[in-house]
């Protein structure tokens, strides 16, 4: 079990902003995951990987793949209080789900 969080590199987010967006994505996808999978993931150490994407369109393509695979996911839009314009898509979380399912969606992406 793992969760992949994909953050946009093209936005130039500061380290704190990036950390906040990754956290928002992780929690949002977790909340949409079934109770049994949440419990299994928590019991196995809550494995996460943070990956990079180059555009908003790439995040939506990945979200479509996750949806097709039946994997919980969450697309994050920034509120616009600090660095970014309101509604800017910043990150996507895929899973938690089995490693092989998550890899079907995000396996070709580089580490952030």
PDB file of N, CA and C in Angstrom:
ATOM      1  N   UNK A   1       0.853  -1.193   0.000  1.00  0.00           N
ATOM      2  CA  UNK A   1       0.000   0.000   0.000  1.00  0.00           C
ATOM      3  C   UNK A   1       0.884   1.237   0.000  1.00  0.00           C
ATOM      4  N   UNK A   2       0.478   2.193  -0.835  1.00  0.00           N
ATOM      5  CA  UNK A   2       1.166   3.477  -0.820  1.00  0.00           C
ATOM      6  C   UNK A   2       0.261   4.556  -1.378  1.00  0.00           C
ATOM      7  N   UNK A   3       0.741   5.764  -1.237  1.00  0.00           N
ATOM      8  CA  UNK A   3       0.074   6.924  -1.797  1.00  0.00           C
ATOM      9  C   UNK A   3       1.127   7.712  -2.563  1.00  0.00           C
ATOM     10  N   UNK A   4       0.775   8.172  -3.743  1.00  0.00           N
ATOM     11  CA  UNK A   4       1.660   9.038  -4.516  1.00  0.00           C
ATOM     12  C   UNK A   4       1.040  10.423  -4.560  1.00  0.00           C
ATOM     13  N   UNK A   5       1.847  11.419  -4.256  1.00  0.00           N
ATOM     14  CA  UNK A   5       1.399  12.796  -4.353  1.00  0.00           C
ATOM     15  C   UNK A   5       2.217  13.434  -5.465  1.00  0.00           C
ATOM     16  N   UNK A   6       1.526  14.010  -6.429  1.00  0.00           N
ATOM     17  CA  UNK A   6       2.166  14.615  -7.593  1.00  0.00           C
ATOM     18  C   UNK A   6       1.983  16.122  -7.495  1.00  0.00           C
ATOM     19  N   UNK A   7       3.095  16.849  -7.437  1.00  0.00           N
ATOM     20  CA  UNK A   7       3.049  18.305  -7.316  1.00  0.00           C
ATOM     21  C   UNK A   7       3.605  18.944  -8.584  1.00  0.00           C
ATOM     22  N   UNK A   8       3.037  20.076  -8.935  1.00  0.00           N
ATOM     23  CA  UNK A   8       3.474  20.784 -10.139  1.00  0.00           C
ATOM     24  C   UNK A   8       4.799  21.492  -9.914  1.00  0.00           C
ATOM     25  N   UNK A   9       5.764  21.214 -10.768  1.00  0.00           N
ATOM     26  CA  UNK A   9       7.068  21.879 -10.729  1.00  0.00           C
ATOM     27  C   UNK A   9       7.023  23.254 -11.395  1.00  0.00           C
ATOM     28  N   UNK A  10       6.128  23.429 -12.355  1.00  0.00           N
ATOM     29  CA  UNK A  10       6.104  24.640 -13.171  1.00  0.00           C
ATOM     30  C   UNK A  10       5.621  25.874 -12.411  1.00  0.00           C
ATOM     31  N   UNK A  11       5.087  25.708 -11.220  1.00  0.00           N
ATOM     32  CA  UNK A  11       4.561  26.842 -10.458  1.00  0.00           C
ATOM     33  C   UNK A  11       5.628  27.554  -9.633  1.00  0.00           C
ATOM     34  N   UNK A  12       6.748  26.897  -9.382  1.00  0.00           N
ATOM     35  CA  UNK A  12       7.798  27.514  -8.567  1.00  0.00           C
ATOM     36  C   UNK A  12       7.369  27.770  -7.137  1.00  0.00           C
ATOM     37  N   UNK A  13       6.563  26.867  -6.577  1.00  0.00           N
ATOM     38  CA  UNK A  13       6.112  27.046  -5.195  1.00  0.00           C
ATOM     39  C   UNK A  13       7.302  27.026  -4.238  1.00  0.00           C
ATOM     40  N   UNK A  14       7.240  27.867  -3.207  1.00  0.00           N
ATOM     41  CA  UNK A  14       8.233  27.825  -2.151  1.00  0.00           C
ATOM     42  C   UNK A  14       8.118  26.517  -1.376  1.00  0.00           C
ATOM     43  N   UNK A  15       9.122  26.201  -0.602  1.00  0.00           N
ATOM     44  CA  UNK A  15       9.140  24.925   0.130  1.00  0.00           C
ATOM     45  C   UNK A  15       7.953  24.768   1.068  1.00  0.00           C
ATOM     46  N   UNK A  16       7.602  25.825   1.774  1.00  0.00           N
ATOM     47  CA  UNK A  16       6.468  25.751   2.694  1.00  0.00           C
ATOM     48  C   UNK A  16       5.152  25.564   1.951  1.00  0.00           C
ATOM     49  N   UNK A  17       4.982  26.287   0.853  1.00  0.00           N
ATOM     50  CA  UNK A  17       3.774  26.170   0.042  1.00  0.00           C
ATOM     51  C   UNK A  17       3.666  24.758  -0.516  1.00  0.00           C
ATOM     52  N   UNK A  18       4.776  24.228  -1.029  1.00  0.00           N
ATOM     53  CA  UNK A  18       4.796  22.866  -1.556  1.00  0.00           C
ATOM     54  C   UNK A  18       4.397  21.863  -0.482  1.00  0.00           C
ATOM     55  N   UNK A  19       4.970  22.001   0.711  1.00  0.00           N
ATOM     56  CA  UNK A  19       4.654  21.080   1.810  1.00  0.00           C
ATOM     57  C   UNK A  19       3.168  21.140   2.152  1.00  0.00           C
ATOM     58  N   UNK A  20       2.600  22.338   2.183  1.00  0.00           N
ATOM     59  CA  UNK A  20       1.176  22.481   2.507  1.00  0.00           C
ATOM     60  C   UNK A  20       0.303  21.838   1.442  1.00  0.00           C
ATOM     61  N   UNK A  21       0.631  22.030   0.169  1.00  0.00           N
ATOM     62  CA  UNK A  21      -0.177  21.468  -0.912  1.00  0.00           C
ATOM     63  C   UNK A  21      -0.102  19.945  -0.927  1.00  0.00           C
ATOM     64  N   UNK A  22       1.075  19.409  -0.664  1.00  0.00           N
ATOM     65  CA  UNK A  22       1.240  17.954  -0.578  1.00  0.00           C
ATOM     66  C   UNK A  22       0.412  17.403   0.579  1.00  0.00           C
ATOM     67  N   UNK A  23       0.430  18.088   1.705  1.00  0.00           N
ATOM     68  CA  UNK A  23      -0.353  17.651   2.863  1.00  0.00           C
ATOM     69  C   UNK A  23      -1.850  17.701   2.563  1.00  0.00           C
ATOM     70  N   UNK A  24      -2.301  18.769   1.924  1.00  0.00           N
ATOM     71  CA  UNK A  24      -3.721  18.872   1.553  1.00  0.00           C
ATOM     72  C   UNK A  24      -4.121  17.695   0.656  1.00  0.00           C
ATOM     73  N   UNK A  25      -3.281  17.403  -0.328  1.00  0.00           N
ATOM     74  CA  UNK A  25      -3.593  16.322  -1.269  1.00  0.00           C
ATOM     75  C   UNK A  25      -3.647  14.978  -0.560  1.00  0.00           C
ATOM     76  N   UNK A  26      -2.653  14.713   0.275  1.00  0.00           N
ATOM     77  CA  UNK A  26      -2.591  13.436   0.979  1.00  0.00           C
ATOM     78  C   UNK A  26      -3.838  13.211   1.828  1.00  0.00           C
ATOM     79  N   UNK A  27      -4.187  14.198   2.617  1.00  0.00           N
ATOM     80  CA  UNK A  27      -5.338  14.067   3.509  1.00  0.00           C
ATOM     81  C   UNK A  27      -6.650  13.956   2.720  1.00  0.00           C
ATOM     82  N   UNK A  28      -6.785  14.732   1.672  1.00  0.00           N
ATOM     83  CA  UNK A  28      -8.026  14.706   0.890  1.00  0.00           C
ATOM     84  C   UNK A  28      -8.256  13.347   0.248  1.00  0.00           C
ATOM     85  N   UNK A  29      -7.217  12.756  -0.336  1.00  0.00           N
ATOM     86  CA  UNK A  29      -7.377  11.435  -0.948  1.00  0.00           C
ATOM     87  C   UNK A  29      -7.618  10.374   0.115  1.00  0.00           C
ATOM     88  N   UNK A  30      -6.935  10.489   1.241  1.00  0.00           N
ATOM     89  CA  UNK A  30      -7.125   9.554   2.354  1.00  0.00           C
ATOM     90  C   UNK A  30      -8.590   9.544   2.800  1.00  0.00           C
ATOM     91  N   UNK A  31      -9.183  10.723   2.902  1.00  0.00           N
ATOM     92  CA  UNK A  31     -10.571  10.830   3.355  1.00  0.00           C
ATOM     93  C   UNK A  31     -11.546  10.178   2.375  1.00  0.00           C
ATOM     94  N   UNK A  32     -11.163  10.056   1.111  1.00  0.00           N
ATOM     95  CA  UNK A  32     -12.024   9.437   0.102  1.00  0.00           C
ATOM     96  C   UNK A  32     -11.750   7.942  -0.060  1.00  0.00           C
ATOM     97  N   UNK A  33     -10.863   7.407   0.751  1.00  0.00           N
ATOM     98  CA  UNK A  33     -10.502   5.990   0.685  1.00  0.00           C
ATOM     99  C   UNK A  33     -11.385   5.197   1.645  1.00  0.00           C
ATOM    100  N   UNK A  34     -11.734   3.991   1.262  1.00  0.00           N
ATOM    101  CA  UNK A  34     -12.566   3.141   2.109  1.00  0.00           C
ATOM    102  C   UNK A  34     -11.907   2.824   3.439  1.00  0.00           C
ATOM    103  N   UNK A  35     -12.722   2.556   4.442  1.00  0.00           N
ATOM    104  CA  UNK A  35     -12.232   2.321   5.803  1.00  0.00           C
ATOM    105  C   UNK A  35     -11.208   1.191   5.864  1.00  0.00           C
ATOM    106  N   UNK A  36     -11.476   0.113   5.181  1.00  0.00           N
ATOM    107  CA  UNK A  36     -10.575  -1.046   5.216  1.00  0.00           C
ATOM    108  C   UNK A  36      -9.193  -0.703   4.643  1.00  0.00           C
ATOM    109  N   UNK A  37      -9.172  -0.005   3.518  1.00  0.00           N
ATOM    110  CA  UNK A  37      -7.896   0.392   2.908  1.00  0.00           C
ATOM    111  C   UNK A  37      -7.158   1.415   3.768  1.00  0.00           C
ATOM    112  N   UNK A  38      -7.902   2.350   4.370  1.00  0.00           N
ATOM    113  CA  UNK A  38      -7.255   3.331   5.268  1.00  0.00           C
ATOM    114  C   UNK A  38      -6.557   2.611   6.407  1.00  0.00           C
ATOM    115  N   UNK A  39      -7.256   1.654   7.008  1.00  0.00           N
ATOM    116  CA  UNK A  39      -6.690   0.923   8.144  1.00  0.00           C
ATOM    117  C   UNK A  39      -5.451   0.128   7.725  1.00  0.00           C
ATOM    118  N   UNK A  40      -5.524  -0.524   6.582  1.00  0.00           N
ATOM    119  CA  UNK A  40      -4.376  -1.308   6.088  1.00  0.00           C
ATOM    120  C   UNK A  40      -3.180  -0.402   5.810  1.00  0.00           C
ATOM    121  N   UNK A  41      -3.425   0.739   5.181  1.00  0.00           N
ATOM    122  CA  UNK A  41      -2.349   1.676   4.862  1.00  0.00           C
ATOM    123  C   UNK A  41      -1.726   2.252   6.131  1.00  0.00           C
ATOM    124  N   UNK A  42      -2.560   2.638   7.081  1.00  0.00           N
ATOM    125  CA  UNK A  42      -2.038   3.176   8.344  1.00  0.00           C
ATOM    126  C   UNK A  42      -1.217   2.130   9.078  1.00  0.00           C
ATOM    127  N   UNK A  43      -1.681   0.885   9.064  1.00  0.00           N
ATOM    128  CA  UNK A  43      -0.971  -0.186   9.752  1.00  0.00           C
ATOM    129  C   UNK A  43       0.334  -0.583   9.095  1.00  0.00           C
ATOM    130  N   UNK A  44       0.494  -0.219   7.825  1.00  0.00           N
ATOM    131  CA  UNK A  44       1.723  -0.591   7.122  1.00  0.00           C
ATOM    132  C   UNK A  44       2.717   0.565   7.015  1.00  0.00           C
ATOM    133  N   UNK A  45       2.497   1.642   7.749  1.00  0.00           N
ATOM    134  CA  UNK A  45       3.469   2.738   7.796  1.00  0.00           C
ATOM    135  C   UNK A  45       3.135   3.962   6.964  1.00  0.00           C
ATOM    136  N   UNK A  46       1.976   3.984   6.310  1.00  0.00           N
ATOM    137  CA  UNK A  46       1.536   5.146   5.534  1.00  0.00           C
ATOM    138  C   UNK A  46       2.553   5.581   4.483  1.00  0.00           C
ATOM    139  N   UNK A  47       3.058   4.619   3.702  1.00  0.00           N
ATOM    140  CA  UNK A  47       4.081   4.911   2.693  1.00  0.00           C
ATOM    141  C   UNK A  47       3.558   5.935   1.696  1.00  0.00           C
ATOM    142  N   UNK A  48       4.411   6.959   1.441  1.00  0.00           N
ATOM    143  CA  UNK A  48       4.097   8.024   0.489  1.00  0.00           C
ATOM    144  C   UNK A  48       5.318   8.296  -0.370  1.00  0.00           C
ATOM    145  N   UNK A  49       5.062   8.766  -1.575  1.00  0.00           N
ATOM    146  CA  UNK A  49       6.124   9.242  -2.451  1.00  0.00           C
ATOM    147  C   UNK A  49       5.632  10.542  -3.080  1.00  0.00           C
ATOM    148  N   UNK A  50       6.534  11.519  -3.194  1.00  0.00           N
ATOM    149  CA  UNK A  50       6.173  12.797  -3.804  1.00  0.00           C
ATOM    150  C   UNK A  50       6.873  12.872  -5.161  1.00  0.00           C
ATOM    151  N   UNK A  51       6.053  13.052  -6.186  1.00  0.00           N
ATOM    152  CA  UNK A  51       6.521  13.051  -7.564  1.00  0.00           C
ATOM    153  C   UNK A  51       6.266  14.401  -8.201  1.00  0.00           C
ATOM    154  N   UNK A  52       6.922  14.656  -9.322  1.00  0.00           N
ATOM    155  CA  UNK A  52       6.774  15.936  -9.999  1.00  0.00           C
ATOM    156  C   UNK A  52       6.029  15.820 -11.315  1.00  0.00           C
ATOM    157  N   UNK A  53       5.257  16.855 -11.610  1.00  0.00           N
ATOM    158  CA  UNK A  53       4.573  16.992 -12.894  1.00  0.00           C
ATOM    159  C   UNK A  53       4.893  18.374 -13.443  1.00  0.00           C
ATOM    160  N   UNK A  54       4.694  18.524 -14.746  1.00  0.00           N
ATOM    161  CA  UNK A  54       5.094  19.767 -15.403  1.00  0.00           C
ATOM    162  C   UNK A  54       3.946  20.708 -15.750  1.00  0.00           C
ATOM    163  N   UNK A  55       2.705  20.272 -15.507  1.00  0.00           N
ATOM    164  CA  UNK A  55       1.588  21.134 -15.905  1.00  0.00           C
ATOM    165  C   UNK A  55       0.288  20.703 -15.235  1.00  0.00           C
ATOM    166  N   UNK A  56      -0.675  21.601 -15.291  1.00  0.00           N
ATOM    167  CA  UNK A  56      -2.014  21.288 -14.807  1.00  0.00           C
ATOM    168  C   UNK A  56      -2.625  20.164 -15.642  1.00  0.00           C
ATOM    169  N   UNK A  57      -2.447  20.221 -16.940  1.00  0.00           N
ATOM    170  CA  UNK A  57      -3.048  19.197 -17.802  1.00  0.00           C
ATOM    171  C   UNK A  57      -2.501  17.817 -17.477  1.00  0.00           C
ATOM    172  N   UNK A  58      -1.233  17.731 -17.122  1.00  0.00           N
ATOM    173  CA  UNK A  58      -0.660  16.436 -16.745  1.00  0.00           C
ATOM    174  C   UNK A  58      -1.326  15.897 -15.484  1.00  0.00           C
ATOM    175  N   UNK A  59      -1.608  16.764 -14.511  1.00  0.00           N
ATOM    176  CA  UNK A  59      -2.301  16.317 -13.299  1.00  0.00           C
ATOM    177  C   UNK A  59      -3.687  15.778 -13.630  1.00  0.00           C
ATOM    178  N   UNK A  60      -4.397  16.452 -14.504  1.00  0.00           N
ATOM    179  CA  UNK A  60      -5.736  15.982 -14.861  1.00  0.00           C
ATOM    180  C   UNK A  60      -5.700  14.673 -15.648  1.00  0.00           C
ATOM    181  N   UNK A  61      -4.692  14.485 -16.481  1.00  0.00           N
ATOM    182  CA  UNK A  61      -4.535  13.204 -17.180  1.00  0.00           C
ATOM    183  C   UNK A  61      -4.327  12.072 -16.170  1.00  0.00           C
ATOM    184  N   UNK A  62      -3.499  12.323 -15.168  1.00  0.00           N
ATOM    185  CA  UNK A  62      -3.248  11.330 -14.127  1.00  0.00           C
ATOM    186  C   UNK A  62      -4.506  11.069 -13.302  1.00  0.00           C
ATOM    187  N   UNK A  63      -5.259  12.120 -13.008  1.00  0.00           N
ATOM    188  CA  UNK A  63      -6.518  11.962 -12.256  1.00  0.00           C
ATOM    189  C   UNK A  63      -7.492  11.092 -13.045  1.00  0.00           C
ATOM    190  N   UNK A  64      -7.545  11.299 -14.353  1.00  0.00           N
ATOM    191  CA  UNK A  64      -8.417  10.469 -15.199  1.00  0.00           C
ATOM    192  C   UNK A  64      -7.995   9.003 -15.149  1.00  0.00           C
ATOM    193  N   UNK A  65      -6.681   8.748 -15.171  1.00  0.00           N
ATOM    194  CA  UNK A  65      -6.178   7.379 -15.068  1.00  0.00           C
ATOM    195  C   UNK A  65      -6.564   6.754 -13.733  1.00  0.00           C
ATOM    196  N   UNK A  66      -6.394   7.518 -12.656  1.00  0.00           N
ATOM    197  CA  UNK A  66      -6.756   7.017 -11.327  1.00  0.00           C
ATOM    198  C   UNK A  66      -8.237   6.680 -11.277  1.00  0.00           C
ATOM    199  N   UNK A  67      -9.049   7.542 -11.834  1.00  0.00           N
ATOM    200  CA  UNK A  67     -10.493   7.315 -11.857  1.00  0.00           C
ATOM    201  C   UNK A  67     -10.819   6.037 -12.637  1.00  0.00           C
ATOM    202  N   UNK A  68     -10.188   5.862 -13.774  1.00  0.00           N
ATOM    203  CA  UNK A  68     -10.397   4.663 -14.597  1.00  0.00           C
ATOM    204  C   UNK A  68     -10.008   3.396 -13.840  1.00  0.00           C
ATOM    205  N   UNK A  69      -8.925   3.479 -13.058  1.00  0.00           N
ATOM    206  CA  UNK A  69      -8.441   2.328 -12.290  1.00  0.00           C
ATOM    207  C   UNK A  69      -9.240   2.110 -11.003  1.00  0.00           C
ATOM    208  N   UNK A  70     -10.106   3.051 -10.667  1.00  0.00           N
ATOM    209  CA  UNK A  70     -10.895   2.933  -9.443  1.00  0.00           C
ATOM    210  C   UNK A  70     -10.110   3.224  -8.184  1.00  0.00           C
ATOM    211  N   UNK A  71      -9.080   4.050  -8.309  1.00  0.00           N
ATOM    212  CA  UNK A  71      -8.212   4.400  -7.180  1.00  0.00           C
ATOM    213  C   UNK A  71      -8.671   5.740  -6.611  1.00  0.00           C
ATOM    214  N   UNK A  72      -8.736   5.865  -5.280  1.00  0.00           N
ATOM    215  CA  UNK A  72      -9.078   7.171  -4.705  1.00  0.00           C
ATOM    216  C   UNK A  72      -8.026   8.203  -5.105  1.00  0.00           C
ATOM    217  N   UNK A  73      -8.473   9.420  -5.359  1.00  0.00           N
ATOM    218  CA  UNK A  73      -7.548  10.493  -5.721  1.00  0.00           C
ATOM    219  C   UNK A  73      -8.151  11.823  -5.312  1.00  0.00           C
ATOM    220  N   UNK A  74      -7.307  12.835  -5.272  1.00  0.00           N
ATOM    221  CA  UNK A  74      -7.779  14.183  -4.950  1.00  0.00           C
ATOM    222  C   UNK A  74      -6.953  15.202  -5.719  1.00  0.00           C
ATOM    223  N   UNK A  75      -7.636  16.122  -6.384  1.00  0.00           N
ATOM    224  CA  UNK A  75      -7.004  17.247  -7.072  1.00  0.00           C
ATOM    225  C   UNK A  75      -7.124  18.451  -6.155  1.00  0.00           C
ATOM    226  N   UNK A  76      -6.008  19.133  -5.942  1.00  0.00           N
ATOM    227  CA  UNK A  76      -5.983  20.271  -5.014  1.00  0.00           C
ATOM    228  C   UNK A  76      -5.897  21.588  -5.772  1.00  0.00           C
ATOM    229  N   UNK A  77      -6.775  22.498  -5.397  1.00  0.00           N
ATOM    230  CA  UNK A  77      -6.766  23.866  -5.933  1.00  0.00           C
ATOM    231  C   UNK A  77      -6.448  24.813  -4.782  1.00  0.00           C
ATOM    232  N   UNK A  78      -5.524  25.708  -5.023  1.00  0.00           N
ATOM    233  CA  UNK A  78      -5.095  26.630  -3.977  1.00  0.00           C
ATOM    234  C   UNK A  78      -6.156  27.700  -3.711  1.00  0.00           C
ATOM    235  N   UNK A  79      -6.245  28.125  -2.469  1.00  0.00           N
ATOM    236  CA  UNK A  79      -7.210  29.151  -2.079  1.00  0.00           C
ATOM    237  C   UNK A  79      -6.760  30.552  -2.483  1.00  0.00           C
ATOM    238  N   UNK A  80      -5.460  30.715  -2.760  1.00  0.00           N
ATOM    239  CA  UNK A  80      -4.975  32.009  -3.220  1.00  0.00           C
ATOM    240  C   UNK A  80      -4.630  32.997  -2.130  1.00  0.00           C
ATOM    241  N   UNK A  81      -4.365  32.506  -0.921  1.00  0.00           N
ATOM    242  CA  UNK A  81      -4.059  33.421   0.180  1.00  0.00           C
ATOM    243  C   UNK A  81      -2.609  33.877   0.214  1.00  0.00           C
ATOM    244  N   UNK A  82      -1.711  33.169  -0.463  1.00  0.00           N
ATOM    245  CA  UNK A  82      -0.293  33.520  -0.357  1.00  0.00           C
ATOM    246  C   UNK A  82       0.354  33.679  -1.736  1.00  0.00           C
ATOM    247  N   UNK A  83       0.938  32.627  -2.279  1.00  0.00           N
ATOM    248  CA  UNK A  83       1.772  32.721  -3.474  1.00  0.00           C
ATOM    249  C   UNK A  83       1.046  32.620  -4.797  1.00  0.00           C
ATOM    250  N   UNK A  84      -0.086  31.963  -4.827  1.00  0.00           N
ATOM    251  CA  UNK A  84      -0.730  31.615  -6.094  1.00  0.00           C
ATOM    252  C   UNK A  84      -2.096  32.268  -6.248  1.00  0.00           C
ATOM    253  N   UNK A  85      -2.548  32.335  -7.481  1.00  0.00           N
ATOM    254  CA  UNK A  85      -3.880  32.846  -7.762  1.00  0.00           C
ATOM    255  C   UNK A  85      -4.928  31.854  -7.251  1.00  0.00           C
ATOM    256  N   UNK A  86      -6.065  32.343  -6.764  1.00  0.00           N
ATOM    257  CA  UNK A  86      -7.120  31.423  -6.317  1.00  0.00           C
ATOM    258  C   UNK A  86      -7.520  30.448  -7.428  1.00  0.00           C
ATOM    259  N   UNK A  87      -7.672  29.178  -7.053  1.00  0.00           N
ATOM    260  CA  UNK A  87      -8.092  28.153  -7.997  1.00  0.00           C
ATOM    261  C   UNK A  87      -6.967  27.466  -8.743  1.00  0.00           C
ATOM    262  N   UNK A  88      -5.726  27.884  -8.496  1.00  0.00           N
ATOM    263  CA  UNK A  88      -4.597  27.244  -9.168  1.00  0.00           C
ATOM    264  C   UNK A  88      -4.501  25.791  -8.739  1.00  0.00           C
ATOM    265  N   UNK A  89      -4.463  24.884  -9.700  1.00  0.00           N
ATOM    266  CA  UNK A  89      -4.303  23.457  -9.413  1.00  0.00           C
ATOM    267  C   UNK A  89      -2.838  23.208  -9.087  1.00  0.00           C
ATOM    268  N   UNK A  90      -2.586  22.683  -7.890  1.00  0.00           N
ATOM    269  CA  UNK A  90      -1.215  22.545  -7.404  1.00  0.00           C
ATOM    270  C   UNK A  90      -0.729  21.107  -7.279  1.00  0.00           C
ATOM    271  N   UNK A  91      -1.622  20.187  -6.935  1.00  0.00           N
ATOM    272  CA  UNK A  91      -1.181  18.826  -6.607  1.00  0.00           C
ATOM    273  C   UNK A  91      -2.314  17.828  -6.813  1.00  0.00           C
ATOM    274  N   UNK A  92      -1.899  16.575  -6.887  1.00  0.00           N
ATOM    275  CA  UNK A  92      -2.811  15.449  -7.015  1.00  0.00           C
ATOM    276  C   UNK A  92      -2.291  14.341  -6.117  1.00  0.00           C
ATOM    277  N   UNK A  93      -3.164  13.731  -5.333  1.00  0.00           N
ATOM    278  CA  UNK A  93      -2.797  12.533  -4.577  1.00  0.00           C
ATOM    279  C   UNK A  93      -3.519  11.347  -5.194  1.00  0.00           C
ATOM    280  N   UNK A  94      -2.803  10.236  -5.315  1.00  0.00           N
ATOM    281  CA  UNK A  94      -3.354   8.988  -5.845  1.00  0.00           C
ATOM    282  C   UNK A  94      -3.178   7.922  -4.775  1.00  0.00           C
ATOM    283  N   UNK A  95      -4.278   7.345  -4.327  1.00  0.00           N
ATOM    284  CA  UNK A  95      -4.225   6.350  -3.267  1.00  0.00           C
ATOM    285  C   UNK A  95      -4.468   6.991  -1.919  1.00  0.00           C
ATOM    286  N   UNK A  96      -4.392   6.204  -0.884  1.00  0.00           N
ATOM    287  CA  UNK A  96      -3.683   4.938  -0.780  1.00  0.00           C
ATOM    288  C   UNK A  96      -4.398   3.781  -1.492  1.00  0.00           C
ATOM    289  N   UNK A  97      -3.543   2.956  -2.096  1.00  0.00           N
ATOM    290  CA  UNK A  97      -3.990   1.742  -2.773  1.00  0.00           C
ATOM    291  C   UNK A  97      -2.771   0.835  -2.886  1.00  0.00           C
ATOM    292  N   UNK A  98      -2.964  -0.333  -3.456  1.00  0.00           N
ATOM    293  CA  UNK A  98      -1.830  -1.249  -3.602  1.00  0.00           C
ATOM    294  C   UNK A  98      -0.756  -0.592  -4.477  1.00  0.00           C
ATOM    295  N   UNK A  99       0.497  -0.934  -4.204  1.00  0.00           N
ATOM    296  CA  UNK A  99       1.615  -0.344  -4.929  1.00  0.00           C
ATOM    297  C   UNK A  99       1.433  -0.472  -6.440  1.00  0.00           C
ATOM    298  N   UNK A 100       1.029  -1.651  -6.902  1.00  0.00           N
ATOM    299  CA  UNK A 100       0.924  -1.863  -8.342  1.00  0.00           C
ATOM    300  C   UNK A 100      -0.162  -1.003  -8.972  1.00  0.00           C
ATOM    301  N   UNK A 101      -1.269  -0.784  -8.278  1.00  0.00           N
ATOM    302  CA  UNK A 101      -2.310   0.094  -8.807  1.00  0.00           C
ATOM    303  C   UNK A 101      -1.832   1.539  -8.894  1.00  0.00           C
ATOM    304  N   UNK A 102      -1.195   2.020  -7.841  1.00  0.00           N
ATOM    305  CA  UNK A 102      -0.682   3.394  -7.845  1.00  0.00           C
ATOM    306  C   UNK A 102       0.357   3.553  -8.948  1.00  0.00           C
ATOM    307  N   UNK A 103       1.219   2.548  -9.111  1.00  0.00           N
ATOM    308  CA  UNK A 103       2.257   2.613 -10.144  1.00  0.00           C
ATOM    309  C   UNK A 103       1.679   2.627 -11.555  1.00  0.00           C
ATOM    310  N   UNK A 104       0.501   2.048 -11.760  1.00  0.00           N
ATOM    311  CA  UNK A 104      -0.146   2.106 -13.081  1.00  0.00           C
ATOM    312  C   UNK A 104      -0.444   3.548 -13.482  1.00  0.00           C
ATOM    313  N   UNK A 105      -0.670   4.375 -12.488  1.00  0.00           N
ATOM    314  CA  UNK A 105      -1.000   5.780 -12.742  1.00  0.00           C
ATOM    315  C   UNK A 105       0.234   6.668 -12.718  1.00  0.00           C
ATOM    316  N   UNK A 106       1.114   6.457 -11.745  1.00  0.00           N
ATOM    317  CA  UNK A 106       2.202   7.421 -11.509  1.00  0.00           C
ATOM    318  C   UNK A 106       3.606   6.841 -11.714  1.00  0.00           C
ATOM    319  N   UNK A 107       3.700   5.591 -12.117  1.00  0.00           N
ATOM    320  CA  UNK A 107       4.990   4.904 -12.163  1.00  0.00           C
ATOM    321  C   UNK A 107       6.048   5.495 -13.070  1.00  0.00           C
ATOM    322  N   UNK A 108       5.648   6.297 -14.050  1.00  0.00           N
ATOM    323  CA  UNK A 108       6.626   6.883 -14.986  1.00  0.00           C
ATOM    324  C   UNK A 108       7.099   8.276 -14.580  1.00  0.00           C
ATOM    325  N   UNK A 109       6.617   8.785 -13.459  1.00  0.00           N
ATOM    326  CA  UNK A 109       6.968  10.149 -13.052  1.00  0.00           C
ATOM    327  C   UNK A 109       8.261  10.200 -12.244  1.00  0.00           C
ATOM    328  N   UNK A 110       8.996  11.305 -12.348  1.00  0.00           N
ATOM    329  CA  UNK A 110      10.211  11.460 -11.532  1.00  0.00           C
ATOM    330  C   UNK A 110       9.891  11.906 -10.111  1.00  0.00           C
ATOM    331  N   UNK A 111      10.782  11.621  -9.204  1.00  0.00           N
ATOM    332  CA  UNK A 111      10.660  12.153  -7.850  1.00  0.00           C
ATOM    333  C   UNK A 111      10.697  13.676  -7.897  1.00  0.00           C
ATOM    334  N   UNK A 112       9.982  14.293  -6.975  1.00  0.00           N
ATOM    335  CA  UNK A 112       9.979  15.746  -6.920  1.00  0.00           C
ATOM    336  C   UNK A 112      11.348  16.209  -6.446  1.00  0.00           C
TER     337      UNK A 112
END
